[in-house]
Amino acid sequence: MKSTTKQDIGLAIKYFRKKVGFRQVDLAKRINPKSPTKNTISRIERGVSNYRIDYLFQIAEILKCDVLDFFDLRGKPSKIEQFEEAFEEFRKKIIEEIKSGNLV
């Protein structure tokens, strides 16, 4: 069985954050309203930040999921799927810009 990495946990957090419609700054504000910083969330989602387990529980509570969901990656998009999804969105925007004549 593959072990879960910080990058895997970060992708899972990003998945659940987007699922509830939060931006990184929205999540940061709910974690620390006095000093919200999306940089912290960005670092966690990229797997480059160390954090305490109680922080994961707090994030899970805010995102209305179980902390175990961050470790169970079945059914969540992989990095490749996320790249393909982002590329498809970009492609659609470019086509719209070309059709509208805004892209020269």
PDB file of N, CA and C in Angstrom:
ATOM      1  N   MET A   1       0.840  -1.185   0.000  1.00  0.00           N
ATOM      2  CA  MET A   1       0.000   0.000   0.000  1.00  0.00           C
ATOM      3  C   MET A   1       0.881   1.242   0.000  1.00  0.00           C
ATOM      4  N   LYS A   2       0.552   2.178  -0.841  1.00  0.00           N
ATOM      5  CA  LYS A   2       1.323   3.413  -0.963  1.00  0.00           C
ATOM      6  C   LYS A   2       1.103   4.282   0.274  1.00  0.00           C
ATOM      7  N   SER A   3       2.184   4.832   0.806  1.00  0.00           N
ATOM      8  CA  SER A   3       2.039   5.722   1.958  1.00  0.00           C
ATOM      9  C   SER A   3       1.637   7.117   1.478  1.00  0.00           C
ATOM     10  N   THR A   4       0.942   7.828   2.343  1.00  0.00           N
ATOM     11  CA  THR A   4       0.461   9.163   2.027  1.00  0.00           C
ATOM     12  C   THR A   4       1.565  10.171   2.300  1.00  0.00           C
ATOM     13  N   THR A   5       1.823  11.052   1.349  1.00  0.00           N
ATOM     14  CA  THR A   5       2.844  12.078   1.498  1.00  0.00           C
ATOM     15  C   THR A   5       2.198  13.421   1.823  1.00  0.00           C
ATOM     16  N   LYS A   6       3.020  14.389   2.184  1.00  0.00           N
ATOM     17  CA  LYS A   6       2.503  15.738   2.418  1.00  0.00           C
ATOM     18  C   LYS A   6       1.884  16.307   1.147  1.00  0.00           C
ATOM     19  N   GLN A   7       2.422  15.950  -0.011  1.00  0.00           N
ATOM     20  CA  GLN A   7       1.856  16.418  -1.270  1.00  0.00           C
ATOM     21  C   GLN A   7       0.457  15.820  -1.479  1.00  0.00           C
ATOM     22  N   ASP A   8       0.300  14.537  -1.129  1.00  0.00           N
ATOM     23  CA  ASP A   8      -1.005  13.885  -1.242  1.00  0.00           C
ATOM     24  C   ASP A   8      -2.028  14.567  -0.336  1.00  0.00           C
ATOM     25  N   ILE A   9      -1.628  14.849   0.895  1.00  0.00           N
ATOM     26  CA  ILE A   9      -2.521  15.517   1.844  1.00  0.00           C
ATOM     27  C   ILE A   9      -2.867  16.906   1.328  1.00  0.00           C
ATOM     28  N   GLY A  10      -1.871  17.600   0.802  1.00  0.00           N
ATOM     29  CA  GLY A  10      -2.108  18.936   0.252  1.00  0.00           C
ATOM     30  C   GLY A  10      -3.100  18.919  -0.895  1.00  0.00           C
ATOM     31  N   LEU A  11      -2.963  17.936  -1.791  1.00  0.00           N
ATOM     32  CA  LEU A  11      -3.907  17.808  -2.905  1.00  0.00           C
ATOM     33  C   LEU A  11      -5.319  17.504  -2.395  1.00  0.00           C
ATOM     34  N   ALA A  12      -5.397  16.680  -1.354  1.00  0.00           N
ATOM     35  CA  ALA A  12      -6.709  16.360  -0.789  1.00  0.00           C
ATOM     36  C   ALA A  12      -7.339  17.601  -0.168  1.00  0.00           C
ATOM     37  N   ILE A  13      -6.560  18.400   0.544  1.00  0.00           N
ATOM     38  CA  ILE A  13      -7.074  19.635   1.138  1.00  0.00           C
ATOM     39  C   ILE A  13      -7.557  20.565   0.032  1.00  0.00           C
ATOM     40  N   LYS A  14      -6.778  20.684  -1.027  1.00  0.00           N
ATOM     41  CA  LYS A  14      -7.170  21.528  -2.155  1.00  0.00           C
ATOM     42  C   LYS A  14      -8.473  21.024  -2.771  1.00  0.00           C
ATOM     43  N   TYR A  15      -8.588  19.729  -2.921  1.00  0.00           N
ATOM     44  CA  TYR A  15      -9.789  19.117  -3.480  1.00  0.00           C
ATOM     45  C   TYR A  15     -11.019  19.497  -2.648  1.00  0.00           C
ATOM     46  N   PHE A  16     -10.938  19.317  -1.327  1.00  0.00           N
ATOM     47  CA  PHE A  16     -12.085  19.620  -0.467  1.00  0.00           C
ATOM     48  C   PHE A  16     -12.342  21.120  -0.382  1.00  0.00           C
ATOM     49  N   ARG A  17     -11.283  21.930  -0.430  1.00  0.00           N
ATOM     50  CA  ARG A  17     -11.458  23.390  -0.411  1.00  0.00           C
ATOM     51  C   ARG A  17     -12.248  23.828  -1.644  1.00  0.00           C
ATOM     52  N   LYS A  18     -11.849  23.318  -2.805  1.00  0.00           N
ATOM     53  CA  LYS A  18     -12.546  23.683  -4.037  1.00  0.00           C
ATOM     54  C   LYS A  18     -13.961  23.109  -4.069  1.00  0.00           C
ATOM     55  N   LYS A  19     -14.130  21.945  -3.468  1.00  0.00           N
ATOM     56  CA  LYS A  19     -15.441  21.299  -3.443  1.00  0.00           C
ATOM     57  C   LYS A  19     -16.461  22.167  -2.696  1.00  0.00           C
ATOM     58  N   VAL A  20     -16.015  22.862  -1.650  1.00  0.00           N
ATOM     59  CA  VAL A  20     -16.935  23.744  -0.912  1.00  0.00           C
ATOM     60  C   VAL A  20     -16.936  25.163  -1.476  1.00  0.00           C
ATOM     61  N   GLY A  21     -16.098  25.423  -2.486  1.00  0.00           N
ATOM     62  CA  GLY A  21     -16.108  26.723  -3.157  1.00  0.00           C
ATOM     63  C   GLY A  21     -15.282  27.797  -2.475  1.00  0.00           C
ATOM     64  N   PHE A  22     -14.324  27.400  -1.668  1.00  0.00           N
ATOM     65  CA  PHE A  22     -13.460  28.375  -0.987  1.00  0.00           C
ATOM     66  C   PHE A  22     -12.222  28.676  -1.822  1.00  0.00           C
ATOM     67  N   ARG A  23     -11.801  29.924  -1.769  1.00  0.00           N
ATOM     68  CA  ARG A  23     -10.468  30.287  -2.254  1.00  0.00           C
ATOM     69  C   ARG A  23      -9.503  30.057  -1.091  1.00  0.00           C
ATOM     70  N   GLN A  24      -8.225  30.079  -1.368  1.00  0.00           N
ATOM     71  CA  GLN A  24      -7.241  29.886  -0.302  1.00  0.00           C
ATOM     72  C   GLN A  24      -7.411  30.930   0.797  1.00  0.00           C
ATOM     73  N   VAL A  25      -7.669  32.163   0.408  1.00  0.00           N
ATOM     74  CA  VAL A  25      -7.821  33.225   1.402  1.00  0.00           C
ATOM     75  C   VAL A  25      -9.081  33.010   2.243  1.00  0.00           C
ATOM     76  N   ASP A  26     -10.127  32.424   1.671  1.00  0.00           N
ATOM     77  CA  ASP A  26     -11.346  32.129   2.433  1.00  0.00           C
ATOM     78  C   ASP A  26     -11.044  31.139   3.551  1.00  0.00           C
ATOM     79  N   LEU A  27     -10.297  30.096   3.211  1.00  0.00           N
ATOM     80  CA  LEU A  27      -9.923  29.101   4.213  1.00  0.00           C
ATOM     81  C   LEU A  27      -9.010  29.730   5.261  1.00  0.00           C
ATOM     82  N   ALA A  28      -8.059  30.530   4.813  1.00  0.00           N
ATOM     83  CA  ALA A  28      -7.141  31.187   5.743  1.00  0.00           C
ATOM     84  C   ALA A  28      -7.890  32.082   6.733  1.00  0.00           C
ATOM     85  N   LYS A  29      -8.901  32.805   6.260  1.00  0.00           N
ATOM     86  CA  LYS A  29      -9.695  33.682   7.134  1.00  0.00           C
ATOM     87  C   LYS A  29     -10.446  32.885   8.183  1.00  0.00           C
ATOM     88  N   ARG A  30     -10.921  31.715   7.818  1.00  0.00           N
ATOM     89  CA  ARG A  30     -11.668  30.901   8.780  1.00  0.00           C
ATOM     90  C   ARG A  30     -10.734  30.269   9.803  1.00  0.00           C
ATOM     91  N   ILE A  31      -9.516  30.009   9.414  1.00  0.00           N
ATOM     92  CA  ILE A  31      -8.544  29.444  10.347  1.00  0.00           C
ATOM     93  C   ILE A  31      -8.051  30.515  11.316  1.00  0.00           C
ATOM     94  N   ASN A  32      -7.739  31.687  10.781  1.00  0.00           N
ATOM     95  CA  ASN A  32      -7.206  32.766  11.614  1.00  0.00           C
ATOM     96  C   ASN A  32      -7.741  34.103  11.120  1.00  0.00           C
ATOM     97  N   PRO A  33      -8.911  34.519  11.615  1.00  0.00           N
ATOM     98  CA  PRO A  33      -9.537  35.749  11.131  1.00  0.00           C
ATOM     99  C   PRO A  33      -8.701  37.012  11.356  1.00  0.00           C
ATOM    100  N   LYS A  34      -7.861  37.011  12.374  1.00  0.00           N
ATOM    101  CA  LYS A  34      -7.067  38.209  12.687  1.00  0.00           C
ATOM    102  C   LYS A  34      -5.866  38.353  11.763  1.00  0.00           C
ATOM    103  N   SER A  35      -5.380  37.241  11.245  1.00  0.00           N
ATOM    104  CA  SER A  35      -4.173  37.293  10.429  1.00  0.00           C
ATOM    105  C   SER A  35      -4.252  36.280   9.286  1.00  0.00           C
ATOM    106  N   PRO A  36      -5.222  36.455   8.380  1.00  0.00           N
ATOM    107  CA  PRO A  36      -5.347  35.470   7.298  1.00  0.00           C
ATOM    108  C   PRO A  36      -4.223  35.615   6.278  1.00  0.00           C
ATOM    109  N   THR A  37      -3.625  34.493   5.923  1.00  0.00           N
ATOM    110  CA  THR A  37      -2.619  34.514   4.868  1.00  0.00           C
ATOM    111  C   THR A  37      -2.798  33.286   3.987  1.00  0.00           C
ATOM    112  N   LYS A  38      -3.068  33.547   2.710  1.00  0.00           N
ATOM    113  CA  LYS A  38      -3.258  32.429   1.793  1.00  0.00           C
ATOM    114  C   LYS A  38      -1.948  31.703   1.521  1.00  0.00           C
ATOM    115  N   ASN A  39      -0.814  32.340   1.839  1.00  0.00           N
ATOM    116  CA  ASN A  39       0.483  31.688   1.633  1.00  0.00           C
ATOM    117  C   ASN A  39       0.592  30.402   2.444  1.00  0.00           C
ATOM    118  N   THR A  40       0.059  30.426   3.660  1.00  0.00           N
ATOM    119  CA  THR A  40       0.093  29.232   4.499  1.00  0.00           C
ATOM    120  C   THR A  40      -0.684  28.106   3.838  1.00  0.00           C
ATOM    121  N   ILE A  41      -1.878  28.416   3.350  1.00  0.00           N
ATOM    122  CA  ILE A  41      -2.705  27.395   2.695  1.00  0.00           C
ATOM    123  C   ILE A  41      -2.022  26.908   1.421  1.00  0.00           C
ATOM    124  N   SER A  42      -1.453  27.815   0.666  1.00  0.00           N
ATOM    125  CA  SER A  42      -0.749  27.450  -0.561  1.00  0.00           C
ATOM    126  C   SER A  42       0.398  26.481  -0.262  1.00  0.00           C
ATOM    127  N   ARG A  43       1.149  26.766   0.773  1.00  0.00           N
ATOM    128  CA  ARG A  43       2.287  25.903   1.131  1.00  0.00           C
ATOM    129  C   ARG A  43       1.813  24.518   1.575  1.00  0.00           C
ATOM    130  N   ILE A  44       0.707  24.479   2.308  1.00  0.00           N
ATOM    131  CA  ILE A  44       0.160  23.191   2.733  1.00  0.00           C
ATOM    132  C   ILE A  44      -0.304  22.406   1.512  1.00  0.00           C
ATOM    133  N   GLU A  45      -1.015  23.065   0.605  1.00  0.00           N
ATOM    134  CA  GLU A  45      -1.542  22.380  -0.573  1.00  0.00           C
ATOM    135  C   GLU A  45      -0.436  21.896  -1.503  1.00  0.00           C
ATOM    136  N   ARG A  46       0.688  22.571  -1.512  1.00  0.00           N
ATOM    137  CA  ARG A  46       1.820  22.138  -2.345  1.00  0.00           C
ATOM    138  C   ARG A  46       2.688  21.099  -1.636  1.00  0.00           C
ATOM    139  N   GLY A  47       2.409  20.861  -0.356  1.00  0.00           N
ATOM    140  CA  GLY A  47       3.165  19.857   0.389  1.00  0.00           C
ATOM    141  C   GLY A  47       4.528  20.326   0.842  1.00  0.00           C
ATOM    142  N   VAL A  48       4.711  21.633   0.971  1.00  0.00           N
ATOM    143  CA  VAL A  48       6.027  22.155   1.372  1.00  0.00           C
ATOM    144  C   VAL A  48       6.029  22.721   2.792  1.00  0.00           C
ATOM    145  N   SER A  49       4.908  22.582   3.495  1.00  0.00           N
ATOM    146  CA  SER A  49       4.808  23.149   4.835  1.00  0.00           C
ATOM    147  C   SER A  49       4.652  22.044   5.867  1.00  0.00           C
ATOM    148  N   ASN A  50       5.257  22.235   7.010  1.00  0.00           N
ATOM    149  CA  ASN A  50       5.032  21.346   8.144  1.00  0.00           C
ATOM    150  C   ASN A  50       3.889  21.927   8.971  1.00  0.00           C
ATOM    151  N   TYR A  51       3.086  21.079   9.549  1.00  0.00           N
ATOM    152  CA  TYR A  51       1.945  21.532  10.332  1.00  0.00           C
ATOM    153  C   TYR A  51       1.627  20.483  11.383  1.00  0.00           C
ATOM    154  N   ARG A  52       0.942  20.929  12.404  1.00  0.00           N
ATOM    155  CA  ARG A  52       0.545  20.034  13.482  1.00  0.00           C
ATOM    156  C   ARG A  52      -0.743  19.312  13.086  1.00  0.00           C
ATOM    157  N   ILE A  53      -0.966  18.159  13.672  1.00  0.00           N
ATOM    158  CA  ILE A  53      -2.157  17.371  13.358  1.00  0.00           C
ATOM    159  C   ILE A  53      -3.425  18.121  13.742  1.00  0.00           C
ATOM    160  N   ASP A  54      -3.375  18.926  14.813  1.00  0.00           N
ATOM    161  CA  ASP A  54      -4.577  19.669  15.205  1.00  0.00           C
ATOM    162  C   ASP A  54      -4.955  20.693  14.138  1.00  0.00           C
ATOM    163  N   TYR A  55      -3.981  21.161  13.368  1.00  0.00           N
ATOM    164  CA  TYR A  55      -4.249  22.074  12.265  1.00  0.00           C
ATOM    165  C   TYR A  55      -5.058  21.356  11.183  1.00  0.00           C
ATOM    166  N   LEU A  56      -4.714  20.095  10.913  1.00  0.00           N
ATOM    167  CA  LEU A  56      -5.466  19.298   9.937  1.00  0.00           C
ATOM    168  C   LEU A  56      -6.901  19.083  10.400  1.00  0.00           C
ATOM    169  N   PHE A  57      -7.084  18.849  11.700  1.00  0.00           N
ATOM    170  CA  PHE A  57      -8.438  18.680  12.230  1.00  0.00           C
ATOM    171  C   PHE A  57      -9.240  19.969  12.070  1.00  0.00           C
ATOM    172  N   GLN A  58      -8.602  21.098  12.303  1.00  0.00           N
ATOM    173  CA  GLN A  58      -9.277  22.388  12.151  1.00  0.00           C
ATOM    174  C   GLN A  58      -9.687  22.610  10.686  1.00  0.00           C
ATOM    175  N   ILE A  59      -8.783  22.312   9.768  1.00  0.00           N
ATOM    176  CA  ILE A  59      -9.089  22.463   8.335  1.00  0.00           C
ATOM    177  C   ILE A  59     -10.230  21.533   7.943  1.00  0.00           C
ATOM    178  N   ALA A  60     -10.180  20.282   8.407  1.00  0.00           N
ATOM    179  CA  ALA A  60     -11.238  19.318   8.087  1.00  0.00           C
ATOM    180  C   ALA A  60     -12.589  19.805   8.597  1.00  0.00           C
ATOM    181  N   GLU A  61     -12.616  20.345   9.802  1.00  0.00           N
ATOM    182  CA  GLU A  61     -13.876  20.850  10.358  1.00  0.00           C
ATOM    183  C   GLU A  61     -14.424  21.989   9.500  1.00  0.00           C
ATOM    184  N   ILE A  62     -13.565  22.905   9.093  1.00  0.00           N
ATOM    185  CA  ILE A  62     -13.986  24.040   8.265  1.00  0.00           C
ATOM    186  C   ILE A  62     -14.500  23.565   6.915  1.00  0.00           C
ATOM    187  N   LEU A  63     -13.833  22.556   6.343  1.00  0.00           N
ATOM    188  CA  LEU A  63     -14.203  22.062   5.017  1.00  0.00           C
ATOM    189  C   LEU A  63     -15.302  21.003   5.068  1.00  0.00           C
ATOM    190  N   LYS A  64     -15.814  20.742   6.275  1.00  0.00           N
ATOM    191  CA  LYS A  64     -16.928  19.803   6.465  1.00  0.00           C
ATOM    192  C   LYS A  64     -16.595  18.403   5.939  1.00  0.00           C
ATOM    193  N   CYS A  65     -15.398  17.951   6.295  1.00  0.00           N
ATOM    194  CA  CYS A  65     -14.997  16.592   5.945  1.00  0.00           C
ATOM    195  C   CYS A  65     -14.301  15.988   7.160  1.00  0.00           C
ATOM    196  N   ASP A  66     -13.918  14.760   7.045  1.00  0.00           N
ATOM    197  CA  ASP A  66     -13.208  14.078   8.116  1.00  0.00           C
ATOM    198  C   ASP A  66     -11.706  14.160   7.834  1.00  0.00           C
ATOM    199  N   VAL A  67     -10.921  14.302   8.860  1.00  0.00           N
ATOM    200  CA  VAL A  67      -9.476  14.390   8.657  1.00  0.00           C
ATOM    201  C   VAL A  67      -8.942  13.152   7.938  1.00  0.00           C
ATOM    202  N   LEU A  68      -9.600  12.014   8.114  1.00  0.00           N
ATOM    203  CA  LEU A  68      -9.182  10.792   7.414  1.00  0.00           C
ATOM    204  C   LEU A  68      -9.324  10.928   5.903  1.00  0.00           C
ATOM    205  N   ASP A  69     -10.233  11.811   5.465  1.00  0.00           N
ATOM    206  CA  ASP A  69     -10.394  12.035   4.026  1.00  0.00           C
ATOM    207  C   ASP A  69      -9.115  12.574   3.393  1.00  0.00           C
ATOM    208  N   PHE A  70      -8.294  13.236   4.175  1.00  0.00           N
ATOM    209  CA  PHE A  70      -7.036  13.764   3.639  1.00  0.00           C
ATOM    210  C   PHE A  70      -6.037  12.640   3.356  1.00  0.00           C
ATOM    211  N   PHE A  71      -6.261  11.487   3.974  1.00  0.00           N
ATOM    212  CA  PHE A  71      -5.342  10.363   3.814  1.00  0.00           C
ATOM    213  C   PHE A  71      -5.884   9.296   2.870  1.00  0.00           C
ATOM    214  N   ASP A  72      -7.163   9.347   2.551  1.00  0.00           N
ATOM    215  CA  ASP A  72      -7.794   8.394   1.639  1.00  0.00           C
ATOM    216  C   ASP A  72      -7.958   9.079   0.291  1.00  0.00           C
ATOM    217  N   LEU A  73      -7.088   8.757  -0.638  1.00  0.00           N
ATOM    218  CA  LEU A  73      -7.018   9.488  -1.899  1.00  0.00           C
ATOM    219  C   LEU A  73      -7.824   8.849  -3.022  1.00  0.00           C
ATOM    220  N   ARG A  74      -8.520   7.769  -2.728  1.00  0.00           N
ATOM    221  CA  ARG A  74      -9.317   7.131  -3.776  1.00  0.00           C
ATOM    222  C   ARG A  74     -10.418   8.080  -4.225  1.00  0.00           C
ATOM    223  N   GLY A  75     -10.559   8.220  -5.529  1.00  0.00           N
ATOM    224  CA  GLY A  75     -11.627   9.044  -6.082  1.00  0.00           C
ATOM    225  C   GLY A  75     -11.298  10.530  -6.158  1.00  0.00           C
ATOM    226  N   LYS A  76     -10.132  10.914  -5.700  1.00  0.00           N
ATOM    227  CA  LYS A  76      -9.748  12.324  -5.782  1.00  0.00           C
ATOM    228  C   LYS A  76      -8.818  12.501  -6.977  1.00  0.00           C
ATOM    229  N   PRO A  77      -8.817  13.668  -7.579  1.00  0.00           N
ATOM    230  CA  PRO A  77      -7.993  13.856  -8.778  1.00  0.00           C
ATOM    231  C   PRO A  77      -6.499  13.779  -8.485  1.00  0.00           C
ATOM    232  N   SER A  78      -5.781  13.197  -9.406  1.00  0.00           N
ATOM    233  CA  SER A  78      -4.327  13.165  -9.306  1.00  0.00           C
ATOM    234  C   SER A  78      -3.767  14.466  -9.871  1.00  0.00           C
ATOM    235  N   LYS A  79      -2.460  14.647  -9.742  1.00  0.00           N
ATOM    236  CA  LYS A  79      -1.827  15.845 -10.304  1.00  0.00           C
ATOM    237  C   LYS A  79      -2.055  15.912 -11.811  1.00  0.00           C
ATOM    238  N   ILE A  80      -1.992  14.772 -12.487  1.00  0.00           N
ATOM    239  CA  ILE A  80      -2.201  14.738 -13.938  1.00  0.00           C
ATOM    240  C   ILE A  80      -3.621  15.187 -14.271  1.00  0.00           C
ATOM    241  N   GLU A  81      -4.594  14.672 -13.537  1.00  0.00           N
ATOM    242  CA  GLU A  81      -5.980  15.050 -13.795  1.00  0.00           C
ATOM    243  C   GLU A  81      -6.191  16.539 -13.535  1.00  0.00           C
ATOM    244  N   GLN A  82      -5.560  17.069 -12.485  1.00  0.00           N
ATOM    245  CA  GLN A  82      -5.683  18.497 -12.196  1.00  0.00           C
ATOM    246  C   GLN A  82      -5.057  19.322 -13.308  1.00  0.00           C
ATOM    247  N   PHE A  83      -3.919  18.874 -13.823  1.00  0.00           N
ATOM    248  CA  PHE A  83      -3.271  19.581 -14.923  1.00  0.00           C
ATOM    249  C   PHE A  83      -4.164  19.562 -16.156  1.00  0.00           C
ATOM    250  N   GLU A  84      -4.720  18.388 -16.463  1.00  0.00           N
ATOM    251  CA  GLU A  84      -5.588  18.270 -17.634  1.00  0.00           C
ATOM    252  C   GLU A  84      -6.818  19.162 -17.496  1.00  0.00           C
ATOM    253  N   GLU A  85      -7.381  19.217 -16.299  1.00  0.00           N
ATOM    254  CA  GLU A  85      -8.558  20.065 -16.051  1.00  0.00           C
ATOM    255  C   GLU A  85      -8.194  21.544 -16.234  1.00  0.00           C
ATOM    256  N   ALA A  86      -7.072  21.970 -15.683  1.00  0.00           N
ATOM    257  CA  ALA A  86      -6.642  23.361 -15.813  1.00  0.00           C
ATOM    258  C   ALA A  86      -6.346  23.695 -17.275  1.00  0.00           C
ATOM    259  N   PHE A  87      -5.707  22.762 -17.987  1.00  0.00           N
ATOM    260  CA  PHE A  87      -5.389  22.988 -19.388  1.00  0.00           C
ATOM    261  C   PHE A  87      -6.667  23.134 -20.208  1.00  0.00           C
ATOM    262  N   GLU A  88      -7.657  22.303 -19.921  1.00  0.00           N
ATOM    263  CA  GLU A  88      -8.930  22.362 -20.658  1.00  0.00           C
ATOM    264  C   GLU A  88      -9.633  23.708 -20.409  1.00  0.00           C
ATOM    265  N   GLU A  89      -9.614  24.186 -19.177  1.00  0.00           N
ATOM    266  CA  GLU A  89     -10.198  25.497 -18.870  1.00  0.00           C
ATOM    267  C   GLU A  89      -9.467  26.600 -19.638  1.00  0.00           C
ATOM    268  N   PHE A  90      -8.155  26.535 -19.665  1.00  0.00           N
ATOM    269  CA  PHE A  90      -7.337  27.514 -20.381  1.00  0.00           C
ATOM    270  C   PHE A  90      -7.650  27.473 -21.873  1.00  0.00           C
ATOM    271  N   ARG A  91      -7.742  26.265 -22.431  1.00  0.00           N
ATOM    272  CA  ARG A  91      -8.035  26.095 -23.854  1.00  0.00           C
ATOM    273  C   ARG A  91      -9.386  26.709 -24.208  1.00  0.00           C
ATOM    274  N   LYS A  92     -10.396  26.472 -23.367  1.00  0.00           N
ATOM    275  CA  LYS A  92     -11.728  27.034 -23.614  1.00  0.00           C
ATOM    276  C   LYS A  92     -11.696  28.563 -23.575  1.00  0.00           C
ATOM    277  N   LYS A  93     -10.955  29.140 -22.653  1.00  0.00           N
ATOM    278  CA  LYS A  93     -10.861  30.592 -22.560  1.00  0.00           C
ATOM    279  C   LYS A  93     -10.168  31.180 -23.786  1.00  0.00           C
ATOM    280  N   ILE A  94      -9.131  30.517 -24.257  1.00  0.00           N
ATOM    281  CA  ILE A  94      -8.421  30.988 -25.447  1.00  0.00           C
ATOM    282  C   ILE A  94      -9.359  30.944 -26.658  1.00  0.00           C
ATOM    283  N   ILE A  95     -10.107  29.861 -26.801  1.00  0.00           N
ATOM    284  CA  ILE A  95     -11.041  29.746 -27.923  1.00  0.00           C
ATOM    285  C   ILE A  95     -12.088  30.852 -27.853  1.00  0.00           C
ATOM    286  N   GLU A  96     -12.608  31.121 -26.656  1.00  0.00           N
ATOM    287  CA  GLU A  96     -13.586  32.203 -26.492  1.00  0.00           C
ATOM    288  C   GLU A  96     -12.986  33.548 -26.883  1.00  0.00           C
ATOM    289  N   GLU A  97     -11.751  33.790 -26.480  1.00  0.00           N
ATOM    290  CA  GLU A  97     -11.066  35.056 -26.804  1.00  0.00           C
ATOM    291  C   GLU A  97     -10.861  35.187 -28.319  1.00  0.00           C
ATOM    292  N   ILE A  98     -10.503  34.097 -28.957  1.00  0.00           N
ATOM    293  CA  ILE A  98     -10.301  34.125 -30.413  1.00  0.00           C
ATOM    294  C   ILE A  98     -11.620  34.407 -31.122  1.00  0.00           C
ATOM    295  N   LYS A  99     -12.676  33.728 -30.699  1.00  0.00           N
ATOM    296  CA  LYS A  99     -13.987  33.930 -31.320  1.00  0.00           C
ATOM    297  C   LYS A  99     -14.504  35.339 -31.119  1.00  0.00           C
ATOM    298  N   SER A 100     -14.208  35.929 -29.963  1.00  0.00           N
ATOM    299  CA  SER A 100     -14.702  37.284 -29.695  1.00  0.00           C
ATOM    300  C   SER A 100     -13.816  38.366 -30.331  1.00  0.00           C
ATOM    301  N   GLY A 101     -12.672  37.958 -30.872  1.00  0.00           N
ATOM    302  CA  GLY A 101     -11.774  38.899 -31.528  1.00  0.00           C
ATOM    303  C   GLY A 101     -10.888  39.672 -30.557  1.00  0.00           C
ATOM    304  N   ASN A 102     -10.893  39.286 -29.297  1.00  0.00           N
ATOM    305  CA  ASN A 102     -10.074  39.993 -28.294  1.00  0.00           C
ATOM    306  C   ASN A 102      -8.623  39.526 -28.270  1.00  0.00           C
ATOM    307  N   LEU A 103      -8.359  38.377 -28.857  1.00  0.00           N
ATOM    308  CA  LEU A 103      -7.009  37.843 -28.853  1.00  0.00           C
ATOM    309  C   LEU A 103      -6.403  38.029 -30.233  1.00  0.00           C
ATOM    310  N   VAL A 104      -5.349  38.775 -30.306  1.00  0.00           N
ATOM    311  CA  VAL A 104      -4.723  39.040 -31.597  1.00  0.00           C
ATOM    312  C   VAL A 104      -3.350  38.417 -31.640  1.00  0.00           C
TER     313      VAL A 104
END
